[in-house]
Amino acid sequence: MIELSIDQGIARVVLNAPKKMNSLDPAALRELSEAYDRAASGVAEGTVRALVLTGEGRGFCAGRDISGVNPADDDVMGYLDGQVQPLLEKMSSFPAPTFAIVQGACLGVGLGLAVATDVVYVAENAKIGSPFANLGATLDSGGHWLLTERLGAHRTLDMIYTAELISGAEAVRSGLFSRAFPAEELIERSEEIISKVARGATQAFVASKALVAEIRDQRVGLWTSMRTENKAQAALCDTSDYAEGFKAFQEKRPPVFTGGN
């Protein structure tokens, strides 16, 4: 179900089970985790400088595959604590910029996958949300923290209580995702941006990613964050991309980054 390819510095991870809207069972979660491990090895080898997660077909991911689940003996803790959370942590800490391209349904754990990436580009008519109220369950995959952080408490509880879905365009207006494009332009316009990032200053991006993670996780103050930024900037001064960026600016030409140290 999970496909991985690497080309021109971009690792492409594809959820490829369109007949079931890319819903995820335990086997698919294991495959997805393994794909991220292989892609991370590519970062270490210098062949991967960005990662993009996509879903094949009409939807990105409709959430957990519950088609064969018996609620009477469902090991929810094993699924969430043993598989979903470790995967989302792995995705969030991937050692290069990550992107998700979202079309159609993005629900439940699918929403968790999306927000575990650095940047999400979404079709304007995509359907985003948490239908857990219809299952007698509560939002999972870190949804309470993530939605409250991005949407605020009132909007988060409104979505949870009503199980109503929002469009991709509304998700962007609300601050949940990064950019929305017309569905027919989603792939092309997203790929243009991702390709540019993959040619960028990878080590600088990774430093910024770590800084943002620290701010979010520890809620550090402005001046503490600024001191950490200063240290990161000083460390980047020793990289070849930093030197190239300055030289290109001075020579009034586009930089040619290699992503190396």
Foldseek 3Di string as FASTA:
>chain_A
DWDWDFDLQEIEIELEDVVQQSADDQVNLVVLLVNLVVLLVCVVVLRHAEYEYAYPDQWGYQYHDCVPPDVVPDPVCCPAVVGLVVSLVSLLLRQHAYEYETHAEQEASSLLNHLSHPAYEYAQAHWDAYQVVVVVDFGDSCLVLLCCVQQNDVVSVVRGNVVHTDGPNVCVVRRNHPYYDHPVCRVVVVVVVRSVSSQAQTLLVSLVSVLVVCCSVVVDDDVVSVVSVVVSVVVCCPWPRVVQVVVCVVVVHDGGDSNTD
